[in-house]
Amino acid sequence: MAKLFSLASWNVEHFKGEPQRVDRVVAFLKEQNPDVLGLYEVEGKVVFSQMVENFPGYQFHITEGPQTQEILVGVRNGLTAFFTQRVEFKSGNPSLRPGALLTLHFGNDNYSLLFLHTKSSGTPVGLGLRDDMFNRAFKLKKTLDKVAGGKGKANFMFMGDLNTMGMTYPFDKSIDADIELRKLENEASKVKMRRLGKSSKTWWNGPKSSYPKSDLDQVVASEHMRFRQFAGGVDVDVRGWPKLSTPAEQGDWIKKYSDHGLLYLVIEKP
């Protein structure tokens, strides 16, 4: 199938104005050459200006508000796009990030891309906030379906660092990350969406960390949308430290770039 557009989604972990690190991140992003990119945990105006300077062929948008971490979205020139900030995804919490909604227009079709960075916490409150944000995304899907002509019609995706880590609770009442993901998949199926398969887990803090490799970054898309298949028959290729062979190499990459791998996918024409 022919490519419609490519997309990169990446949490760059406290992405500030450290010149050498910014240069490394920019170089890595240029290697991916995505048509659309979403970066999470952007901190400081200097990153925005440096991205604009280093990607002259893109238009950039960034979320705003009292939160310290923003979502930066870039779109290659030549694509017809409309950007809106969706504050309902703060779930009433002023410190959380809003959603960043980008709508691309191809011929008679719209593709709505929602970039999210949900609450990072294994507490009951954290799980509840994430669940609320996911429900809001599914509600948005229903609204877009009506505009598109009926249930399941909208071309809609939401993605990002969704922090699907489950919940820790005493008396054997904890909820594993797998259970949170199963619930996400079940709710997605009700609105004709699915969680896309990935080439690997996406987060690790390196070989000295007490935390295991985890599957925190996700892409959920309308069932009818088509994606290029990567090795192993997956829709999303996780790039960065997961591509390296040894824990030492992976740990070095994590120090230089981010503890999150970059999610890369290609949306194909229907």
C-alpha atoms as a PDB file:
ATOM      1  CA  MET A   1       0.000   0.000   0.000  1.00  0.00           C
ATOM      2  CA  ALA A   2       1.102   3.587  -0.641  1.00  0.00           C
ATOM      3  CA  LYS A   3       2.231   5.780   2.233  1.00  0.00           C
ATOM      4  CA  LEU A   4      -0.100   8.550   3.374  1.00  0.00           C
ATOM      5  CA  PHE A   5       2.151  10.032   6.078  1.00  0.00           C
ATOM      6  CA  SER A   6       4.714   8.926   8.673  1.00  0.00           C
ATOM      7  CA  LEU A   7       4.652   9.777  12.356  1.00  0.00           C
ATOM      8  CA  ALA A   8       7.076   9.811  15.287  1.00  0.00           C
ATOM      9  CA  SER A   9       5.948   9.973  18.923  1.00  0.00           C
ATOM     10  CA  TRP A  10       8.630  10.359  21.593  1.00  0.00           C
ATOM     11  CA  ASN A  11       8.940  11.330  25.245  1.00  0.00           C
ATOM     12  CA  VAL A  12      12.333  13.061  25.415  1.00  0.00           C
ATOM     13  CA  GLU A  13      12.297  13.149  29.251  1.00  0.00           C
ATOM     14  CA  HIS A  14      12.769  16.605  30.733  1.00  0.00           C
ATOM     15  CA  PHE A  15      13.691  18.085  27.356  1.00  0.00           C
ATOM     16  CA  LYS A  16      15.363  21.378  28.188  1.00  0.00           C
ATOM     17  CA  GLY A  17      17.912  23.646  26.575  1.00  0.00           C
ATOM     18  CA  GLU A  18      21.089  21.618  27.150  1.00  0.00           C
ATOM     19  CA  PRO A  19      22.810  22.325  23.787  1.00  0.00           C
ATOM     20  CA  GLN A  20      24.600  18.990  23.305  1.00  0.00           C
ATOM     21  CA  ARG A  21      21.556  16.943  24.176  1.00  0.00           C
ATOM     22  CA  VAL A  22      19.314  19.050  21.951  1.00  0.00           C
ATOM     23  CA  ASP A  23      21.773  18.511  19.094  1.00  0.00           C
ATOM     24  CA  ARG A  24      21.681  14.734  19.639  1.00  0.00           C
ATOM     25  CA  VAL A  25      17.883  14.648  19.786  1.00  0.00           C
ATOM     26  CA  VAL A  26      17.572  16.798  16.651  1.00  0.00           C
ATOM     27  CA  ALA A  27      20.018  14.572  14.750  1.00  0.00           C
ATOM     28  CA  PHE A  28      18.129  11.421  15.801  1.00  0.00           C
ATOM     29  CA  LEU A  29      14.785  12.919  14.781  1.00  0.00           C
ATOM     30  CA  LYS A  30      16.192  13.922  11.389  1.00  0.00           C
ATOM     31  CA  GLU A  31      17.260  10.306  10.833  1.00  0.00           C
ATOM     32  CA  GLN A  32      13.642   9.196  11.281  1.00  0.00           C
ATOM     33  CA  ASN A  33      12.426  11.844   8.795  1.00  0.00           C
ATOM     34  CA  PRO A  34       8.775  11.792   9.961  1.00  0.00           C
ATOM     35  CA  ASP A  35       6.054  13.856   8.316  1.00  0.00           C
ATOM     36  CA  VAL A  36       4.494  14.457  11.736  1.00  0.00           C
ATOM     37  CA  LEU A  37       6.233  14.391  15.107  1.00  0.00           C
ATOM     38  CA  GLY A  38       5.038  14.685  18.682  1.00  0.00           C
ATOM     39  CA  LEU A  39       7.479  15.325  21.532  1.00  0.00           C
ATOM     40  CA  TYR A  40       6.556  15.105  25.230  1.00  0.00           C
ATOM     41  CA  GLU A  41       8.121  16.638  28.351  1.00  0.00           C
ATOM     42  CA  VAL A  42       9.306  19.726  26.502  1.00  0.00           C
ATOM     43  CA  GLU A  43      10.485  22.188  29.157  1.00  0.00           C
ATOM     44  CA  GLY A  44      11.497  25.712  28.276  1.00  0.00           C
ATOM     45  CA  LYS A  45      11.003  28.014  25.313  1.00  0.00           C
ATOM     46  CA  VAL A  46      14.555  27.446  24.095  1.00  0.00           C
ATOM     47  CA  VAL A  47      13.681  23.940  22.860  1.00  0.00           C
ATOM     48  CA  PHE A  48      10.843  25.307  20.750  1.00  0.00           C
ATOM     49  CA  SER A  49      13.118  27.860  19.099  1.00  0.00           C
ATOM     50  CA  GLN A  50      15.852  25.292  18.479  1.00  0.00           C
ATOM     51  CA  MET A  51      13.414  22.845  16.897  1.00  0.00           C
ATOM     52  CA  VAL A  52      12.050  25.577  14.623  1.00  0.00           C
ATOM     53  CA  GLU A  53      15.588  26.524  13.603  1.00  0.00           C
ATOM     54  CA  ASN A  54      16.692  22.941  12.930  1.00  0.00           C
ATOM     55  CA  PHE A  55      13.537  21.830  11.107  1.00  0.00           C
ATOM     56  CA  PRO A  56      12.917  24.652   8.610  1.00  0.00           C
ATOM     57  CA  GLY A  57      10.586  22.464   6.566  1.00  0.00           C
ATOM     58  CA  TYR A  58       8.062  22.068   9.392  1.00  0.00           C
ATOM     59  CA  GLN A  59       5.379  24.050  11.157  1.00  0.00           C
ATOM     60  CA  PHE A  60       5.425  23.702  14.958  1.00  0.00           C
ATOM     61  CA  HIS A  61       2.791  24.007  17.665  1.00  0.00           C
ATOM     62  CA  ILE A  62       3.158  23.690  21.432  1.00  0.00           C
ATOM     63  CA  THR A  63       0.692  23.390  24.308  1.00  0.00           C
ATOM     64  CA  GLU A  64       0.508  26.145  26.900  1.00  0.00           C
ATOM     65  CA  GLY A  65      -0.628  26.487  30.502  1.00  0.00           C
ATOM     66  CA  PRO A  66       0.543  26.310  34.133  1.00  0.00           C
ATOM     67  CA  GLN A  67       2.036  22.820  33.656  1.00  0.00           C
ATOM     68  CA  THR A  68       5.833  22.550  33.495  1.00  0.00           C
ATOM     69  CA  GLN A  69       5.955  19.996  30.675  1.00  0.00           C
ATOM     70  CA  GLU A  70       4.507  20.689  27.259  1.00  0.00           C
ATOM     71  CA  ILE A  71       3.691  18.703  24.103  1.00  0.00           C
ATOM     72  CA  LEU A  72       5.409  19.912  20.934  1.00  0.00           C
ATOM     73  CA  VAL A  73       3.899  18.924  17.570  1.00  0.00           C
ATOM     74  CA  GLY A  74       5.610  19.384  14.217  1.00  0.00           C
ATOM     75  CA  VAL A  75       4.078  19.009  10.741  1.00  0.00           C
ATOM     76  CA  ARG A  76       5.980  18.899   7.486  1.00  0.00           C
ATOM     77  CA  ASN A  77       5.273  21.792   5.136  1.00  0.00           C
ATOM     78  CA  GLY A  78       2.878  20.840   2.372  1.00  0.00           C
ATOM     79  CA  LEU A  79       0.473  18.955   4.634  1.00  0.00           C
ATOM     80  CA  THR A  80      -2.844  20.642   5.337  1.00  0.00           C
ATOM     81  CA  ALA A  81      -3.201  20.638   9.117  1.00  0.00           C
ATOM     82  CA  PHE A  82      -5.218  22.254  11.898  1.00  0.00           C
ATOM     83  CA  PHE A  83      -4.019  22.290  15.528  1.00  0.00           C
ATOM     84  CA  THR A  84      -6.098  22.705  18.681  1.00  0.00           C
ATOM     85  CA  GLN A  85      -5.281  22.419  22.382  1.00  0.00           C
ATOM     86  CA  ARG A  86      -7.800  20.238  24.244  1.00  0.00           C
ATOM     87  CA  VAL A  87      -7.868  21.267  27.899  1.00  0.00           C
ATOM     88  CA  GLU A  88     -10.479  18.642  28.838  1.00  0.00           C
ATOM     89  CA  PHE A  89      -7.652  16.098  28.913  1.00  0.00           C
ATOM     90  CA  LYS A  90      -6.269  17.779  32.018  1.00  0.00           C
ATOM     91  CA  SER A  91      -9.191  16.033  33.794  1.00  0.00           C
ATOM     92  CA  GLY A  92      -9.715  19.044  36.041  1.00  0.00           C
ATOM     93  CA  ASN A  93      -6.104  18.948  37.288  1.00  0.00           C
ATOM     94  CA  PRO A  94      -4.241  22.190  36.427  1.00  0.00           C
ATOM     95  CA  SER A  95      -0.808  20.538  36.666  1.00  0.00           C
ATOM     96  CA  LEU A  96      -1.560  17.920  33.995  1.00  0.00           C
ATOM     97  CA  ARG A  97      -0.889  18.375  30.295  1.00  0.00           C
ATOM     98  CA  PRO A  98      -3.730  19.208  27.888  1.00  0.00           C
ATOM     99  CA  GLY A  99      -4.195  17.110  24.787  1.00  0.00           C
ATOM    100  CA  ALA A 100      -2.708  18.275  21.493  1.00  0.00           C
ATOM    101  CA  LEU A 101      -5.094  17.548  18.622  1.00  0.00           C
ATOM    102  CA  LEU A 102      -3.786  17.710  15.067  1.00  0.00           C
ATOM    103  CA  THR A 103      -6.141  17.187  12.127  1.00  0.00           C
ATOM    104  CA  LEU A 104      -4.636  16.396   8.727  1.00  0.00           C
ATOM    105  CA  HIS A 105      -6.661  16.741   5.530  1.00  0.00           C
ATOM    106  CA  PHE A 106      -6.138  14.482   2.509  1.00  0.00           C
ATOM    107  CA  GLY A 107      -8.613  14.910  -0.329  1.00  0.00           C
ATOM    108  CA  ASN A 108     -12.018  14.264   1.216  1.00  0.00           C
ATOM    109  CA  ASP A 109     -10.635  12.599   4.345  1.00  0.00           C
ATOM    110  CA  ASN A 110      -9.586  13.947   7.740  1.00  0.00           C
ATOM    111  CA  TYR A 111      -7.130  12.200  10.056  1.00  0.00           C
ATOM    112  CA  SER A 112      -7.345  13.333  13.685  1.00  0.00           C
ATOM    113  CA  LEU A 113      -4.241  12.706  15.807  1.00  0.00           C
ATOM    114  CA  LEU A 114      -4.430  13.261  19.566  1.00  0.00           C
ATOM    115  CA  PHE A 115      -1.079  13.479  21.371  1.00  0.00           C
ATOM    116  CA  LEU A 116      -1.376  12.686  25.084  1.00  0.00           C
ATOM    117  CA  HIS A 117       0.917  12.543  28.092  1.00  0.00           C
ATOM    118  CA  THR A 118      -1.186  11.050  30.871  1.00  0.00           C
ATOM    119  CA  LYS A 119      -0.623  10.927  34.628  1.00  0.00           C
ATOM    120  CA  SER A 120       2.487   9.030  35.728  1.00  0.00           C
ATOM    121  CA  SER A 121       1.612   7.329  38.996  1.00  0.00           C
ATOM    122  CA  GLY A 122       0.917   3.859  40.341  1.00  0.00           C
ATOM    123  CA  THR A 123      -1.481   5.208  42.963  1.00  0.00           C
ATOM    124  CA  PRO A 124      -5.273   4.854  42.780  1.00  0.00           C
ATOM    125  CA  VAL A 125      -5.500   8.559  41.890  1.00  0.00           C
ATOM    126  CA  GLY A 126      -3.015   8.102  39.048  1.00  0.00           C
ATOM    127  CA  LEU A 127      -4.861   5.122  37.613  1.00  0.00           C
ATOM    128  CA  GLY A 128      -8.147   6.980  37.910  1.00  0.00           C
ATOM    129  CA  LEU A 129      -6.849  10.044  36.094  1.00  0.00           C
ATOM    130  CA  ARG A 130      -5.485   7.926  33.247  1.00  0.00           C
ATOM    131  CA  ASP A 131      -8.774   6.060  32.997  1.00  0.00           C
ATOM    132  CA  ASP A 132     -10.647   9.364  32.815  1.00  0.00           C
ATOM    133  CA  MET A 133      -8.337  10.645  30.068  1.00  0.00           C
ATOM    134  CA  PHE A 134      -8.812   7.470  28.030  1.00  0.00           C
ATOM    135  CA  ASN A 135     -12.584   7.752  28.402  1.00  0.00           C
ATOM    136  CA  ARG A 136     -12.409  11.326  27.134  1.00  0.00           C
ATOM    137  CA  ALA A 137     -10.457  10.122  24.096  1.00  0.00           C
ATOM    138  CA  PHE A 138     -13.130   7.524  23.339  1.00  0.00           C
ATOM    139  CA  LYS A 139     -15.832  10.158  23.769  1.00  0.00           C
ATOM    140  CA  LEU A 140     -13.998  12.332  21.241  1.00  0.00           C
ATOM    141  CA  LYS A 141     -13.930   9.349  18.869  1.00  0.00           C
ATOM    142  CA  LYS A 142     -17.719   9.083  19.090  1.00  0.00           C
ATOM    143  CA  THR A 143     -18.054  12.794  18.282  1.00  0.00           C
ATOM    144  CA  LEU A 144     -15.733  12.484  15.292  1.00  0.00           C
ATOM    145  CA  ASP A 145     -17.644   9.406  14.105  1.00  0.00           C
ATOM    146  CA  LYS A 146     -20.851  11.442  13.940  1.00  0.00           C
ATOM    147  CA  VAL A 147     -19.128  14.094  11.839  1.00  0.00           C
ATOM    148  CA  ALA A 148     -17.653  11.389   9.579  1.00  0.00           C
ATOM    149  CA  GLY A 149     -21.022   9.743   8.945  1.00  0.00           C
ATOM    150  CA  GLY A 150     -21.502   7.013  11.532  1.00  0.00           C
ATOM    151  CA  LYS A 151     -19.974   4.662  14.102  1.00  0.00           C
ATOM    152  CA  GLY A 152     -16.437   3.642  13.251  1.00  0.00           C
ATOM    153  CA  LYS A 153     -16.086   6.047  10.329  1.00  0.00           C
ATOM    154  CA  ALA A 154     -13.609   8.565  11.751  1.00  0.00           C
ATOM    155  CA  ASN A 155      -9.884   8.262  11.109  1.00  0.00           C
ATOM    156  CA  PHE A 156      -8.739   8.829  14.692  1.00  0.00           C
ATOM    157  CA  MET A 157      -5.644   7.962  16.704  1.00  0.00           C
ATOM    158  CA  PHE A 158      -4.417   8.846  20.153  1.00  0.00           C
ATOM    159  CA  MET A 159      -0.877   8.162  21.218  1.00  0.00           C
ATOM    160  CA  GLY A 160       1.965   9.152  23.486  1.00  0.00           C
ATOM    161  CA  ASP A 161       3.382   8.387  26.897  1.00  0.00           C
ATOM    162  CA  LEU A 162       0.188   6.941  28.329  1.00  0.00           C
ATOM    163  CA  ASN A 163       1.990   5.668  31.461  1.00  0.00           C
ATOM    164  CA  THR A 164       0.097   2.368  31.488  1.00  0.00           C
ATOM    165  CA  MET A 165       1.796   1.083  34.645  1.00  0.00           C
ATOM    166  CA  GLY A 166      -1.134  -0.285  36.639  1.00  0.00           C
ATOM    167  CA  MET A 167      -1.701   0.446  40.329  1.00  0.00           C
ATOM    168  CA  THR A 168       0.023  -0.538  43.566  1.00  0.00           C
ATOM    169  CA  TYR A 169      -2.271  -1.312  46.502  1.00  0.00           C
ATOM    170  CA  PRO A 170      -1.952  -3.412  49.668  1.00  0.00           C
ATOM    171  CA  PHE A 171      -3.785  -6.627  50.609  1.00  0.00           C
ATOM    172  CA  ASP A 172      -3.224  -8.215  47.177  1.00  0.00           C
ATOM    173  CA  LYS A 173      -5.428  -5.581  45.532  1.00  0.00           C
ATOM    174  CA  SER A 174      -2.836  -4.191  43.117  1.00  0.00           C
ATOM    175  CA  ILE A 175      -3.654  -3.955  39.414  1.00  0.00           C
ATOM    176  CA  ASP A 176      -0.939  -5.113  37.021  1.00  0.00           C
ATOM    177  CA  ALA A 177      -0.052  -3.036  33.981  1.00  0.00           C
ATOM    178  CA  ASP A 178      -1.376  -5.855  31.795  1.00  0.00           C
ATOM    179  CA  ILE A 179      -4.813  -5.453  33.369  1.00  0.00           C
ATOM    180  CA  GLU A 180      -4.814  -1.711  32.683  1.00  0.00           C
ATOM    181  CA  LEU A 181      -3.868  -2.426  29.067  1.00  0.00           C
ATOM    182  CA  ARG A 182      -6.587  -5.077  28.738  1.00  0.00           C
ATOM    183  CA  LYS A 183      -9.171  -2.587  29.965  1.00  0.00           C
ATOM    184  CA  LEU A 184      -7.849   0.025  27.526  1.00  0.00           C
ATOM    185  CA  GLU A 185      -8.158  -2.479  24.675  1.00  0.00           C
ATOM    186  CA  ASN A 186     -11.663  -3.512  25.748  1.00  0.00           C
ATOM    187  CA  GLU A 187     -12.901   0.082  25.884  1.00  0.00           C
ATOM    188  CA  ALA A 188     -11.221   0.808  22.547  1.00  0.00           C
ATOM    189  CA  SER A 189     -13.037  -2.070  20.861  1.00  0.00           C
ATOM    190  CA  LYS A 190     -16.399  -0.572  21.884  1.00  0.00           C
ATOM    191  CA  VAL A 191     -15.707   2.444  19.657  1.00  0.00           C
ATOM    192  CA  LYS A 192     -14.048   0.402  16.889  1.00  0.00           C
ATOM    193  CA  MET A 193     -10.472   1.181  17.857  1.00  0.00           C
ATOM    194  CA  ARG A 194      -7.490  -1.035  18.679  1.00  0.00           C
ATOM    195  CA  ARG A 195      -4.141  -0.763  20.426  1.00  0.00           C
ATOM    196  CA  LEU A 196      -1.397  -1.133  17.841  1.00  0.00           C
ATOM    197  CA  GLY A 197       1.275  -3.788  18.215  1.00  0.00           C
ATOM    198  CA  LYS A 198       4.847  -2.594  18.824  1.00  0.00           C
ATOM    199  CA  SER A 199       8.272  -4.104  18.213  1.00  0.00           C
ATOM    200  CA  SER A 200       9.291  -3.912  21.887  1.00  0.00           C
ATOM    201  CA  LYS A 201       8.625  -2.403  25.275  1.00  0.00           C
ATOM    202  CA  THR A 202       9.241   1.318  25.295  1.00  0.00           C
ATOM    203  CA  TRP A 203      10.650   2.447  28.673  1.00  0.00           C
ATOM    204  CA  TRP A 204      13.671   1.548  30.763  1.00  0.00           C
ATOM    205  CA  ASN A 205      15.893   3.510  33.115  1.00  0.00           C
ATOM    206  CA  GLY A 206      19.038   1.533  32.346  1.00  0.00           C
ATOM    207  CA  PRO A 207      20.877  -1.516  33.711  1.00  0.00           C
ATOM    208  CA  LYS A 208      21.363   0.013  37.172  1.00  0.00           C
ATOM    209  CA  SER A 209      17.638   0.622  37.627  1.00  0.00           C
ATOM    210  CA  SER A 210      15.521  -1.494  39.951  1.00  0.00           C
ATOM    211  CA  TYR A 211      12.582  -1.067  37.560  1.00  0.00           C
ATOM    212  CA  PRO A 212      12.083  -3.535  34.696  1.00  0.00           C
ATOM    213  CA  LYS A 213      11.561  -2.606  31.065  1.00  0.00           C
ATOM    214  CA  SER A 214       7.957  -1.418  30.740  1.00  0.00           C
ATOM    215  CA  ASP A 215       5.336  -0.775  28.088  1.00  0.00           C
ATOM    216  CA  LEU A 216       4.336   2.822  28.848  1.00  0.00           C
ATOM    217  CA  ASP A 217       3.990   4.351  25.363  1.00  0.00           C
ATOM    218  CA  GLN A 218       1.001   3.390  23.243  1.00  0.00           C
ATOM    219  CA  VAL A 219      -0.837   4.069  20.002  1.00  0.00           C
ATOM    220  CA  VAL A 220      -4.597   3.439  19.761  1.00  0.00           C
ATOM    221  CA  ALA A 221      -6.208   3.819  16.340  1.00  0.00           C
ATOM    222  CA  SER A 222      -9.451   3.293  14.455  1.00  0.00           C
ATOM    223  CA  GLU A 223      -9.781  -0.349  13.434  1.00  0.00           C
ATOM    224  CA  HIS A 224     -10.124   0.378   9.721  1.00  0.00           C
ATOM    225  CA  MET A 225      -6.943   2.447   9.430  1.00  0.00           C
ATOM    226  CA  ARG A 226      -4.039   0.816   7.605  1.00  0.00           C
ATOM    227  CA  PHE A 227      -0.405   0.801   8.759  1.00  0.00           C
ATOM    228  CA  ARG A 228       2.869  -0.367   7.273  1.00  0.00           C
ATOM    229  CA  GLN A 229       4.030  -3.599   8.844  1.00  0.00           C
ATOM    230  CA  PHE A 230       7.508  -3.777  10.369  1.00  0.00           C
ATOM    231  CA  ALA A 231       9.549  -6.864  11.280  1.00  0.00           C
ATOM    232  CA  GLY A 232       7.428  -9.320  13.224  1.00  0.00           C
ATOM    233  CA  GLY A 233       4.218  -8.001  11.661  1.00  0.00           C
ATOM    234  CA  VAL A 234       3.865  -5.058  14.065  1.00  0.00           C
ATOM    235  CA  ASP A 235       2.405  -1.630  13.286  1.00  0.00           C
ATOM    236  CA  VAL A 236       4.812   0.425  15.416  1.00  0.00           C
ATOM    237  CA  ASP A 237       8.598   0.265  15.301  1.00  0.00           C
ATOM    238  CA  VAL A 238      10.192   1.279  18.633  1.00  0.00           C
ATOM    239  CA  ARG A 239      13.529   2.962  17.910  1.00  0.00           C
ATOM    240  CA  GLY A 240      16.397   4.110  20.089  1.00  0.00           C
ATOM    241  CA  TRP A 241      17.686   2.043  23.007  1.00  0.00           C
ATOM    242  CA  PRO A 242      15.449  -1.007  22.215  1.00  0.00           C
ATOM    243  CA  LYS A 243      17.351  -1.443  18.922  1.00  0.00           C
ATOM    244  CA  LEU A 244      20.721  -1.848  20.664  1.00  0.00           C
ATOM    245  CA  SER A 245      22.167  -5.239  21.537  1.00  0.00           C
ATOM    246  CA  THR A 246      23.588  -5.007  25.039  1.00  0.00           C
ATOM    247  CA  PRO A 247      22.395  -3.486  28.324  1.00  0.00           C
ATOM    248  CA  ALA A 248      25.534  -1.317  28.405  1.00  0.00           C
ATOM    249  CA  GLU A 249      24.790   0.126  24.957  1.00  0.00           C
ATOM    250  CA  GLN A 250      21.163   0.655  25.882  1.00  0.00           C
ATOM    251  CA  GLY A 251      22.098   2.392  29.127  1.00  0.00           C
ATOM    252  CA  ASP A 252      24.478   4.718  27.319  1.00  0.00           C
ATOM    253  CA  TRP A 253      21.788   5.685  24.795  1.00  0.00           C
ATOM    254  CA  ILE A 254      19.316   6.324  27.621  1.00  0.00           C
ATOM    255  CA  LYS A 255      21.767   8.723  29.297  1.00  0.00           C
ATOM    256  CA  LYS A 256      22.369  10.614  26.071  1.00  0.00           C
ATOM    257  CA  TYR A 257      18.782  10.782  24.785  1.00  0.00           C
ATOM    258  CA  SER A 258      15.850   9.520  26.870  1.00  0.00           C
ATOM    259  CA  ASP A 259      14.585   6.558  28.859  1.00  0.00           C
ATOM    260  CA  HIS A 260      11.764   6.246  26.311  1.00  0.00           C
ATOM    261  CA  GLY A 261      12.165   4.725  22.877  1.00  0.00           C
ATOM    262  CA  LEU A 262      10.760   6.584  19.886  1.00  0.00           C
ATOM    263  CA  LEU A 263       7.557   5.221  18.342  1.00  0.00           C
ATOM    264  CA  TYR A 264       7.597   5.293  14.540  1.00  0.00           C
ATOM    265  CA  LEU A 265       4.697   4.344  12.277  1.00  0.00           C
ATOM    266  CA  VAL A 266       3.539   4.842   8.717  1.00  0.00           C
ATOM    267  CA  ILE A 267      -0.137   5.401   7.922  1.00  0.00           C
ATOM    268  CA  GLU A 268      -1.078   4.025   4.510  1.00  0.00           C
ATOM    269  CA  LYS A 269      -3.746   5.016   2.044  1.00  0.00           C
ATOM    270  CA  PRO A 270      -7.006   3.041   2.419  1.00  0.00           C
END
